N, C-alpha and C. Protein backbone atom coordinates (compact mmCIF):
# COMPACT_ATOMS: atom_id res chain seq x y z
N THR A 1 -39.49 -39.14 40.22
CA THR A 1 -38.78 -37.85 41.02
C THR A 1 -37.60 -37.40 40.56
N LEU A 2 -37.00 -36.11 41.02
CA LEU A 2 -35.90 -35.52 40.38
C LEU A 2 -34.34 -36.42 40.77
N ASP A 3 -34.55 -37.66 41.60
CA ASP A 3 -33.50 -38.39 41.97
C ASP A 3 -33.40 -39.49 40.97
N ARG A 4 -34.12 -39.50 39.74
CA ARG A 4 -33.62 -40.16 38.72
C ARG A 4 -33.78 -39.38 37.70
N ALA A 5 -33.86 -38.12 37.42
CA ALA A 5 -33.54 -37.14 36.09
C ALA A 5 -32.16 -36.67 35.98
N ARG A 6 -31.72 -36.81 34.91
CA ARG A 6 -30.55 -36.62 34.21
C ARG A 6 -30.28 -35.19 34.05
N TRP A 7 -31.00 -34.66 33.33
CA TRP A 7 -30.88 -33.12 32.75
C TRP A 7 -32.44 -32.59 33.27
N ALA A 8 -32.36 -31.20 33.45
CA ALA A 8 -33.28 -29.96 33.22
C ALA A 8 -33.44 -29.45 32.09
N LEU A 9 -34.21 -29.62 31.14
CA LEU A 9 -34.61 -28.97 29.51
C LEU A 9 -35.31 -28.23 29.46
N SER A 10 -35.48 -27.29 28.61
CA SER A 10 -36.36 -26.55 28.14
C SER A 10 -37.06 -27.59 26.75
N CYS A 11 -38.24 -27.27 26.42
CA CYS A 11 -38.71 -27.93 25.50
C CYS A 11 -37.86 -28.28 24.01
N LYS A 12 -37.30 -27.36 23.57
CA LYS A 12 -36.32 -27.06 22.56
C LYS A 12 -34.99 -27.67 22.80
N ASP A 13 -34.80 -27.33 23.87
CA ASP A 13 -33.36 -28.27 24.33
C ASP A 13 -33.35 -29.71 24.73
N TRP A 14 -34.54 -30.50 24.76
CA TRP A 14 -35.02 -31.91 24.94
C TRP A 14 -35.12 -32.28 23.33
N ILE A 15 -35.83 -31.29 22.58
CA ILE A 15 -35.91 -31.74 21.16
C ILE A 15 -34.34 -32.18 20.50
N VAL A 16 -33.29 -31.00 20.78
CA VAL A 16 -31.66 -30.89 20.44
C VAL A 16 -31.33 -32.30 21.31
N ALA A 17 -31.76 -32.67 22.23
CA ALA A 17 -30.66 -33.52 22.85
C ALA A 17 -31.93 -35.34 22.26
N CYS A 18 -32.76 -35.22 21.84
CA CYS A 18 -33.14 -36.24 21.02
C CYS A 18 -32.32 -36.39 19.78
N LEU A 19 -32.41 -35.40 19.10
CA LEU A 19 -31.49 -35.43 17.70
C LEU A 19 -30.41 -35.78 17.88
N THR A 20 -29.83 -35.42 19.17
CA THR A 20 -27.84 -35.46 18.86
C THR A 20 -27.53 -36.50 19.85
N ALA A 21 -28.50 -36.78 21.01
CA ALA A 21 -28.01 -37.41 22.42
C ALA A 21 -26.76 -36.93 23.24
N THR A 22 -27.10 -35.62 23.17
CA THR A 22 -26.28 -34.52 23.83
C THR A 22 -27.15 -33.42 24.65
N ALA A 23 -26.66 -33.31 25.77
CA ALA A 23 -27.73 -31.90 26.38
C ALA A 23 -27.15 -30.92 26.18
N SER A 24 -27.86 -29.82 26.23
CA SER A 24 -27.27 -28.33 25.74
C SER A 24 -28.31 -27.54 26.30
N ALA A 25 -28.15 -26.72 26.36
CA ALA A 25 -29.15 -25.61 26.25
C ALA A 25 -28.12 -24.27 25.97
N ASP A 26 -29.23 -22.69 25.30
CA ASP A 26 -28.43 -21.75 25.06
C ASP A 26 -28.78 -20.69 25.84
N PHE A 27 -28.35 -19.90 25.94
CA PHE A 27 -28.09 -18.65 26.59
C PHE A 27 -29.86 -17.78 26.66
N SER A 28 -30.36 -17.81 25.38
CA SER A 28 -31.96 -17.34 25.50
C SER A 28 -32.73 -18.08 26.45
N ASP A 29 -32.91 -19.17 26.42
CA ASP A 29 -33.82 -19.95 26.92
C ASP A 29 -33.44 -19.74 28.43
N ALA A 30 -31.91 -20.20 29.00
CA ALA A 30 -31.81 -20.00 29.98
C ALA A 30 -31.65 -18.82 30.87
N SER A 31 -31.56 -17.99 30.34
CA SER A 31 -31.44 -16.66 30.87
C SER A 31 -33.15 -16.23 30.86
N ALA A 32 -34.10 -16.52 30.06
CA ALA A 32 -35.24 -16.04 30.30
C ALA A 32 -35.70 -16.91 31.93
N CYS A 33 -35.30 -17.62 31.89
CA CYS A 33 -35.79 -18.70 32.96
C CYS A 33 -35.10 -17.95 34.38
N GLY A 34 -34.24 -17.07 33.85
CA GLY A 34 -33.83 -16.36 35.46
C GLY A 34 -32.20 -17.32 35.83
N LEU A 35 -32.19 -18.07 35.08
CA LEU A 35 -30.94 -18.92 35.72
C LEU A 35 -29.73 -18.63 35.26
N VAL A 36 -29.34 -17.51 34.63
CA VAL A 36 -27.99 -17.01 33.81
C VAL A 36 -27.56 -15.91 34.68
N ASP A 37 -26.00 -15.76 34.71
CA ASP A 37 -25.66 -14.51 34.78
C ASP A 37 -25.16 -14.13 33.57
N LEU A 38 -25.76 -13.01 32.94
CA LEU A 38 -25.54 -12.80 31.66
C LEU A 38 -23.95 -12.14 31.58
N ALA A 39 -23.57 -11.43 32.49
CA ALA A 39 -22.24 -10.61 32.45
C ALA A 39 -21.18 -11.98 32.37
N GLU A 40 -21.60 -12.73 33.19
CA GLU A 40 -20.55 -13.94 33.16
C GLU A 40 -20.54 -15.08 32.11
N ARG A 41 -21.89 -15.35 31.64
CA ARG A 41 -22.55 -15.78 31.02
C ARG A 41 -22.27 -17.91 31.31
N THR A 42 -22.75 -17.62 32.71
CA THR A 42 -22.73 -18.81 33.20
C THR A 42 -24.08 -19.01 34.19
N TYR A 43 -24.51 -19.99 34.62
CA TYR A 43 -25.42 -20.13 35.69
C TYR A 43 -25.25 -19.49 37.00
N GLU A 44 -26.11 -18.86 37.46
CA GLU A 44 -26.51 -18.13 38.65
C GLU A 44 -26.95 -19.14 39.74
N PRO A 45 -25.90 -19.13 40.70
CA PRO A 45 -26.06 -20.56 41.79
C PRO A 45 -27.04 -19.74 42.85
N GLY A 46 -26.88 -18.31 42.97
CA GLY A 46 -27.89 -17.60 44.06
C GLY A 46 -29.45 -17.85 43.46
N VAL A 47 -29.60 -17.98 42.35
CA VAL A 47 -31.18 -18.19 41.87
C VAL A 47 -31.77 -19.31 42.50
N PHE A 48 -30.98 -20.38 43.08
CA PHE A 48 -31.39 -21.52 43.47
C PHE A 48 -31.74 -21.55 45.21
N GLY A 49 -30.86 -20.62 45.12
CA GLY A 49 -31.10 -20.03 47.02
C GLY A 49 -32.29 -19.27 46.85
N LEU A 50 -32.46 -18.27 46.20
CA LEU A 50 -33.63 -17.55 46.28
C LEU A 50 -34.73 -18.06 46.40
N LEU A 51 -34.79 -19.53 45.51
CA LEU A 51 -35.95 -20.09 45.10
C LEU A 51 -36.24 -21.28 46.60
N GLY A 52 -35.27 -21.37 47.13
CA GLY A 52 -35.41 -22.31 48.24
C GLY A 52 -34.96 -24.11 47.81
N LEU A 53 -34.18 -23.96 46.24
CA LEU A 53 -33.72 -25.07 46.02
C LEU A 53 -32.39 -25.17 46.14
N PRO A 54 -32.23 -26.84 46.55
CA PRO A 54 -30.72 -27.23 46.81
C PRO A 54 -30.10 -26.84 45.86
N ARG A 55 -28.52 -26.34 45.95
CA ARG A 55 -27.87 -26.02 44.92
C ARG A 55 -27.32 -27.43 44.09
N GLU A 56 -27.63 -28.60 44.68
CA GLU A 56 -27.24 -29.86 44.04
C GLU A 56 -28.04 -29.90 42.41
N LEU A 57 -29.16 -29.31 42.67
CA LEU A 57 -29.94 -29.43 41.33
C LEU A 57 -29.49 -28.88 40.22
N MET A 58 -28.67 -27.95 40.63
CA MET A 58 -27.56 -27.43 39.41
C MET A 58 -26.86 -28.31 38.52
N SER A 59 -26.89 -29.39 39.21
CA SER A 59 -26.30 -30.58 38.36
C SER A 59 -26.84 -31.01 37.26
N LEU A 60 -28.15 -30.72 37.13
CA LEU A 60 -28.97 -30.93 36.16
C LEU A 60 -29.02 -30.16 34.86
N LEU A 61 -28.37 -29.03 35.43
CA LEU A 61 -28.65 -27.75 34.11
C LEU A 61 -27.30 -28.41 32.97
N PRO A 62 -27.70 -28.42 31.65
CA PRO A 62 -26.52 -28.88 30.68
C PRO A 62 -25.95 -27.73 30.36
N PRO A 63 -24.62 -27.93 29.75
CA PRO A 63 -23.56 -27.09 29.23
C PRO A 63 -24.50 -25.70 28.32
N LEU A 64 -24.20 -24.54 28.81
CA LEU A 64 -24.69 -23.28 27.91
C LEU A 64 -23.90 -23.35 26.64
N SER A 65 -24.29 -22.81 25.60
CA SER A 65 -23.81 -22.51 24.28
C SER A 65 -24.56 -21.25 23.77
N ARG A 66 -23.87 -20.35 22.91
CA ARG A 66 -24.76 -19.79 21.94
C ARG A 66 -25.66 -20.19 21.18
N SER A 67 -26.53 -19.71 20.61
CA SER A 67 -27.44 -19.98 19.97
C SER A 67 -27.25 -20.77 18.37
N ASP A 68 -26.11 -20.11 17.95
CA ASP A 68 -25.80 -20.47 16.62
C ASP A 68 -24.64 -21.52 16.51
N GLU A 69 -24.25 -22.00 17.62
CA GLU A 69 -23.09 -22.64 18.26
C GLU A 69 -23.56 -24.34 17.87
N VAL A 70 -22.76 -25.24 17.17
CA VAL A 70 -23.32 -26.60 16.90
C VAL A 70 -22.99 -27.51 17.79
N VAL A 71 -23.91 -28.26 18.71
CA VAL A 71 -24.10 -28.57 19.97
C VAL A 71 -23.69 -30.16 19.56
N GLY A 72 -24.16 -30.80 18.45
CA GLY A 72 -24.13 -31.98 18.17
C GLY A 72 -24.47 -32.36 16.58
N ARG A 73 -24.52 -33.69 16.42
CA ARG A 73 -25.24 -34.15 15.29
C ARG A 73 -26.30 -35.17 15.32
N VAL A 74 -27.05 -35.04 14.02
CA VAL A 74 -28.22 -35.90 14.37
C VAL A 74 -27.40 -37.42 14.33
N THR A 75 -28.09 -38.01 15.26
CA THR A 75 -27.50 -39.48 15.51
C THR A 75 -28.19 -40.56 14.37
N GLY A 76 -28.07 -41.47 14.16
CA GLY A 76 -28.51 -42.54 13.30
C GLY A 76 -30.00 -42.86 13.89
N PRO A 77 -30.07 -43.27 15.16
CA PRO A 77 -31.70 -43.49 15.51
C PRO A 77 -32.66 -41.89 15.22
N ALA A 78 -32.03 -41.11 15.56
CA ALA A 78 -32.79 -40.00 15.15
C ALA A 78 -33.17 -39.67 13.81
N ALA A 79 -32.07 -40.02 13.18
CA ALA A 79 -32.31 -39.96 11.46
C ALA A 79 -33.43 -40.88 11.14
N SER A 80 -33.62 -42.14 11.64
CA SER A 80 -34.22 -43.02 11.27
C SER A 80 -35.64 -42.42 11.39
N LEU A 81 -36.15 -41.75 12.97
CA LEU A 81 -37.49 -41.62 13.65
C LEU A 81 -37.74 -40.23 12.75
N THR A 82 -36.64 -39.59 12.26
CA THR A 82 -37.10 -37.93 11.84
C THR A 82 -37.10 -37.88 9.90
N GLY A 83 -36.30 -38.78 9.58
CA GLY A 83 -35.92 -38.25 8.07
C GLY A 83 -34.78 -37.47 7.78
N LEU A 84 -34.35 -36.95 8.84
CA LEU A 84 -33.21 -36.11 9.00
C LEU A 84 -32.03 -36.77 8.26
N PRO A 85 -30.89 -36.30 7.66
CA PRO A 85 -29.87 -36.94 7.28
C PRO A 85 -28.73 -37.25 8.22
N GLU A 86 -28.24 -38.35 9.10
CA GLU A 86 -27.42 -38.72 9.68
C GLU A 86 -26.53 -37.92 9.64
N GLY A 87 -25.90 -37.48 11.02
CA GLY A 87 -24.76 -36.22 10.92
C GLY A 87 -24.93 -34.92 10.62
N THR A 88 -26.14 -34.46 10.24
CA THR A 88 -26.56 -33.11 10.00
C THR A 88 -26.13 -32.40 11.20
N PRO A 89 -25.28 -31.46 11.36
CA PRO A 89 -25.26 -30.55 12.37
C PRO A 89 -26.02 -29.87 12.93
N VAL A 90 -26.07 -29.76 14.41
CA VAL A 90 -27.43 -29.19 14.97
C VAL A 90 -27.10 -28.16 15.78
N VAL A 91 -27.86 -27.14 15.82
CA VAL A 91 -27.10 -26.15 16.60
C VAL A 91 -28.07 -25.52 17.96
N ALA A 92 -27.81 -25.17 18.93
CA ALA A 92 -28.27 -24.84 20.11
C ALA A 92 -30.21 -24.62 20.12
N GLY A 93 -29.92 -23.51 19.09
CA GLY A 93 -31.13 -22.76 18.50
C GLY A 93 -31.42 -21.67 19.89
N CYS A 94 -32.74 -21.16 19.60
CA CYS A 94 -33.00 -19.75 20.00
C CYS A 94 -34.17 -19.56 20.98
N MET A 95 -34.46 -18.83 21.60
CA MET A 95 -36.05 -19.03 22.36
C MET A 95 -36.86 -18.18 21.17
N ASP A 96 -38.21 -18.73 20.88
CA ASP A 96 -38.66 -18.10 19.87
C ASP A 96 -39.26 -16.74 20.10
N CYS A 97 -39.67 -16.32 21.28
CA CYS A 97 -40.07 -14.94 21.94
C CYS A 97 -39.07 -13.97 21.70
N ILE A 98 -37.94 -13.99 21.57
CA ILE A 98 -36.77 -13.31 21.97
C ILE A 98 -36.05 -13.21 20.74
N ALA A 99 -36.29 -13.82 19.33
CA ALA A 99 -36.05 -13.87 18.22
C ALA A 99 -36.67 -13.51 17.04
N SER A 100 -36.67 -12.50 16.11
CA SER A 100 -37.36 -12.32 15.15
C SER A 100 -36.80 -12.24 13.94
N PRO A 101 -37.09 -12.96 12.85
CA PRO A 101 -36.58 -12.94 11.63
C PRO A 101 -36.39 -11.52 10.84
N ILE A 102 -35.28 -11.28 10.18
CA ILE A 102 -35.20 -9.83 9.54
C ILE A 102 -35.53 -10.03 8.20
N GLY A 103 -36.89 -10.20 7.24
CA GLY A 103 -36.86 -10.42 6.06
C GLY A 103 -37.27 -9.22 5.69
N ALA A 104 -36.65 -9.38 3.97
CA ALA A 104 -37.70 -8.54 3.11
C ALA A 104 -37.53 -9.21 1.52
N GLY A 105 -38.34 -9.09 0.67
CA GLY A 105 -38.42 -9.20 -0.77
C GLY A 105 -38.26 -11.14 -0.53
N GLY A 106 -38.97 -11.70 0.39
CA GLY A 106 -39.06 -13.07 0.06
C GLY A 106 -37.86 -13.43 0.74
N ARG A 107 -37.02 -12.91 1.40
CA ARG A 107 -35.71 -13.64 1.81
C ARG A 107 -35.60 -13.38 3.11
N VAL A 108 -35.10 -14.36 3.83
CA VAL A 108 -34.57 -13.86 5.47
C VAL A 108 -33.74 -13.19 5.12
N ARG A 109 -33.25 -12.09 6.06
CA ARG A 109 -31.74 -11.14 5.85
C ARG A 109 -31.11 -11.46 7.03
N GLY A 110 -31.62 -12.01 7.88
CA GLY A 110 -30.48 -12.13 9.39
C GLY A 110 -31.54 -12.25 10.48
N LEU A 111 -31.02 -12.38 11.47
CA LEU A 111 -32.05 -12.92 12.56
C LEU A 111 -31.67 -11.78 14.15
N LEU A 112 -32.62 -11.18 14.11
CA LEU A 112 -32.32 -10.52 15.74
C LEU A 112 -32.87 -11.20 17.04
N VAL A 113 -31.49 -10.92 17.75
CA VAL A 113 -31.94 -11.81 18.98
C VAL A 113 -31.61 -11.15 20.04
N VAL A 114 -32.47 -10.80 20.97
CA VAL A 114 -32.16 -9.66 22.12
C VAL A 114 -32.55 -10.56 23.61
N ALA A 115 -31.31 -10.12 24.51
CA ALA A 115 -31.56 -10.46 25.51
C ALA A 115 -31.21 -9.35 26.86
N ALA A 116 -31.78 -9.51 27.82
CA ALA A 116 -32.01 -8.40 28.95
C ALA A 116 -31.29 -8.81 30.20
N ARG A 117 -30.44 -7.71 30.84
CA ARG A 117 -29.60 -8.20 32.00
C ARG A 117 -30.83 -8.26 33.28
N GLN A 118 -31.87 -7.82 32.91
CA GLN A 118 -32.76 -7.38 34.20
C GLN A 118 -33.97 -7.65 33.57
N ALA A 119 -34.79 -8.50 34.10
CA ALA A 119 -36.05 -9.17 33.67
C ALA A 119 -37.16 -8.33 34.43
N PRO A 120 -38.36 -8.56 34.28
CA PRO A 120 -38.74 -8.79 32.48
C PRO A 120 -38.82 -7.81 31.98
N LEU A 121 -38.72 -8.16 30.32
CA LEU A 121 -38.61 -6.95 29.39
C LEU A 121 -40.13 -6.55 29.24
N PRO A 122 -40.36 -5.27 28.86
CA PRO A 122 -41.50 -4.42 28.60
C PRO A 122 -42.54 -5.41 27.98
N ALA A 123 -43.85 -5.45 28.28
CA ALA A 123 -44.82 -6.25 27.52
C ALA A 123 -44.54 -5.97 25.89
N ASP A 124 -44.61 -4.93 25.51
CA ASP A 124 -44.72 -4.87 24.32
C ASP A 124 -43.76 -5.08 23.14
N THR A 125 -42.14 -5.68 23.80
CA THR A 125 -41.09 -5.86 23.38
C THR A 125 -41.04 -6.60 22.10
N GLU A 126 -41.98 -7.52 22.40
CA GLU A 126 -42.13 -8.56 20.86
C GLU A 126 -42.80 -7.62 19.79
N GLU A 127 -43.66 -6.98 20.07
CA GLU A 127 -43.82 -6.38 18.97
C GLU A 127 -43.14 -5.21 18.53
N ARG A 128 -42.53 -4.45 19.52
CA ARG A 128 -41.35 -3.76 18.81
C ARG A 128 -40.25 -4.16 18.13
N LEU A 129 -39.87 -5.47 18.53
CA LEU A 129 -38.88 -5.79 17.89
C LEU A 129 -39.40 -6.51 16.20
N ALA A 130 -40.79 -6.82 16.23
CA ALA A 130 -41.25 -7.31 15.02
C ALA A 130 -41.15 -6.17 14.08
N GLU A 131 -41.68 -5.16 14.44
CA GLU A 131 -41.49 -3.73 13.94
C GLU A 131 -40.00 -3.26 13.75
N PHE A 132 -39.46 -3.56 14.53
CA PHE A 132 -37.69 -3.15 14.02
C PHE A 132 -37.36 -4.01 13.16
N SER A 133 -37.41 -5.16 13.07
CA SER A 133 -36.91 -6.17 12.32
C SER A 133 -37.77 -6.19 10.62
N ASP A 134 -38.80 -5.31 10.86
CA ASP A 134 -39.30 -5.04 9.62
C ASP A 134 -38.77 -3.83 8.84
N ILE A 135 -38.56 -2.90 9.46
CA ILE A 135 -37.60 -1.44 9.15
C ILE A 135 -36.30 -2.22 8.67
N ALA A 136 -35.74 -3.08 9.26
CA ALA A 136 -34.22 -3.39 9.25
C ALA A 136 -34.11 -4.24 7.74
N GLY A 137 -35.18 -4.98 7.52
CA GLY A 137 -35.47 -5.76 6.72
C GLY A 137 -35.54 -4.80 5.35
N THR A 138 -36.54 -3.92 5.43
CA THR A 138 -36.51 -2.96 4.49
C THR A 138 -35.57 -2.02 3.84
N ALA A 139 -34.72 -1.74 5.09
CA ALA A 139 -33.52 -1.15 4.94
C ALA A 139 -32.59 -1.74 4.29
N ILE A 140 -32.50 -3.30 4.60
CA ILE A 140 -31.21 -4.12 3.50
C ILE A 140 -32.09 -4.08 2.24
N ALA A 141 -33.01 -4.41 2.08
CA ALA A 141 -33.62 -4.39 0.67
C ALA A 141 -33.66 -3.23 -0.02
N ASN A 142 -33.73 -2.09 0.49
CA ASN A 142 -33.74 -0.69 -0.24
C ASN A 142 -32.14 -0.46 -0.60
N ALA A 143 -30.90 -1.03 0.58
CA ALA A 143 -29.77 -0.75 0.06
C ALA A 143 -29.53 -1.88 -0.91
N GLU A 144 -29.92 -2.95 -0.88
CA GLU A 144 -29.60 -3.77 -2.03
C GLU A 144 -30.01 -3.49 -3.58
N SER A 145 -31.37 -2.88 -3.45
CA SER A 145 -32.02 -2.31 -4.68
C SER A 145 -31.18 -1.30 -5.10
N ARG A 146 -30.73 0.03 -4.43
CA ARG A 146 -30.16 1.06 -4.64
C ARG A 146 -28.93 0.59 -5.28
N ALA A 147 -27.97 -0.44 -4.64
CA ALA A 147 -26.60 -0.72 -5.09
C ALA A 147 -26.91 -1.46 -6.59
N GLU A 148 -27.98 -2.07 -7.03
CA GLU A 148 -28.37 -2.70 -8.17
C GLU A 148 -28.40 -1.81 -9.19
N LEU A 149 -29.14 -0.55 -8.68
CA LEU A 149 -29.64 0.90 -9.57
C LEU A 149 -28.40 1.38 -9.68
N VAL A 150 -27.56 1.67 -8.83
CA VAL A 150 -26.18 2.45 -9.45
C VAL A 150 -25.03 1.45 -10.24
N ALA A 151 -25.13 -0.25 -9.92
CA ALA A 151 -24.40 -0.85 -10.72
C ALA A 151 -25.42 -0.96 -12.17
N SER A 152 -26.43 -0.64 -12.46
CA SER A 152 -27.21 -0.93 -13.52
C SER A 152 -26.67 0.31 -14.30
N ARG A 153 -26.80 1.59 -13.67
CA ARG A 153 -26.82 2.58 -14.26
C ARG A 153 -25.41 2.98 -14.55
N ALA A 154 -24.32 2.40 -13.87
CA ALA A 154 -22.79 2.22 -14.37
C ALA A 154 -22.66 1.50 -15.38
N ARG A 155 -23.59 0.52 -15.69
CA ARG A 155 -23.33 -0.40 -16.76
C ARG A 155 -23.81 0.35 -17.97
N VAL A 156 -24.96 1.31 -18.09
CA VAL A 156 -25.60 2.27 -19.19
C VAL A 156 -24.45 2.90 -19.62
N VAL A 157 -24.03 3.74 -18.43
CA VAL A 157 -23.18 4.67 -18.99
C VAL A 157 -22.14 4.39 -19.66
N ALA A 158 -21.68 3.02 -18.91
CA ALA A 158 -20.32 2.37 -19.69
C ALA A 158 -20.91 2.03 -21.25
N ALA A 159 -22.05 1.77 -21.64
CA ALA A 159 -22.26 1.26 -22.96
C ALA A 159 -22.53 2.50 -23.66
N ALA A 160 -22.94 3.62 -22.95
CA ALA A 160 -23.10 4.58 -23.71
C ALA A 160 -21.94 4.98 -24.08
N ASP A 161 -20.84 5.27 -23.31
CA ASP A 161 -19.32 5.74 -23.74
C ASP A 161 -18.89 5.05 -24.69
N GLU A 162 -19.09 3.67 -24.60
CA GLU A 162 -18.58 2.56 -25.87
C GLU A 162 -19.06 2.94 -27.22
N THR A 163 -20.29 3.13 -27.05
CA THR A 163 -20.97 3.21 -27.99
C THR A 163 -20.66 4.94 -28.62
N ARG A 164 -20.73 6.20 -28.22
CA ARG A 164 -20.17 7.02 -28.14
C ARG A 164 -18.64 7.08 -29.03
N ARG A 165 -17.61 6.25 -28.24
CA ARG A 165 -16.36 6.13 -28.81
C ARG A 165 -16.51 5.50 -29.67
N ARG A 166 -16.98 4.61 -30.40
CA ARG A 166 -17.46 3.66 -31.63
C ARG A 166 -17.80 4.29 -32.85
N ILE A 167 -18.92 5.22 -32.57
CA ILE A 167 -19.46 6.71 -33.37
C ILE A 167 -18.07 7.39 -33.89
N GLU A 168 -17.50 7.87 -32.99
CA GLU A 168 -16.34 9.07 -33.15
C GLU A 168 -15.30 8.31 -33.69
N ARG A 169 -15.10 7.09 -33.72
CA ARG A 169 -13.77 6.28 -34.35
C ARG A 169 -14.31 6.13 -35.84
N ASP A 170 -15.77 5.50 -36.06
CA ASP A 170 -16.37 5.45 -37.61
C ASP A 170 -16.51 7.03 -38.13
N LEU A 171 -16.63 7.92 -37.37
CA LEU A 171 -16.57 9.43 -38.20
C LEU A 171 -15.27 9.88 -38.18
N HIS A 172 -14.52 9.46 -37.35
CA HIS A 172 -13.30 9.75 -37.49
C HIS A 172 -12.32 9.08 -39.12
N ASP A 173 -12.88 7.37 -38.98
CA ASP A 173 -12.39 6.82 -40.12
C ASP A 173 -12.81 7.11 -41.50
N GLY A 174 -14.03 7.61 -41.40
CA GLY A 174 -14.95 7.92 -42.66
C GLY A 174 -14.15 9.18 -43.22
N ALA A 175 -13.98 10.29 -42.03
CA ALA A 175 -13.41 11.51 -42.73
C ALA A 175 -12.05 11.38 -43.48
N GLN A 176 -11.49 10.12 -42.64
CA GLN A 176 -9.70 10.01 -42.92
C GLN A 176 -10.23 9.27 -44.62
N GLN A 177 -10.92 8.64 -45.39
CA GLN A 177 -11.02 8.20 -46.34
C GLN A 177 -11.56 9.15 -47.29
């Protein structure tokens, strides 16, 4: 029963709690469940009233953290079970359907995370985010390639200038003799 419950956690947050022995939740999971006032970045007590649930159940909700915030470290028992090094930092993490890796050229370039003040997001949001992240990753890779080409061109021009100066010196020195 709920009387015996200590925390109400999402699957990801349960894994984090098992690794760290610390309960936490990130804004993405909590807000996707409709439990967070995104403007205030706190749990929204009115949701419990709307659902006909006693507000006392809010005590089961763990502290909220940013997705990239370290919320604990891998404990000794968790290290023994998982093979992860004890003391490894563990971040709050992010809900999978609102995060899309931005990658190009076989490298992850960043992470795109989207939250909405009003739910639900359009049905095609995940596809659109994936397309956008592909475009962003390609743009980043193109910018890096362009920068590499500009740097390479500058090295070629510098080498050509140095060679020209050497030839001019050699010609000048030969004319002097």
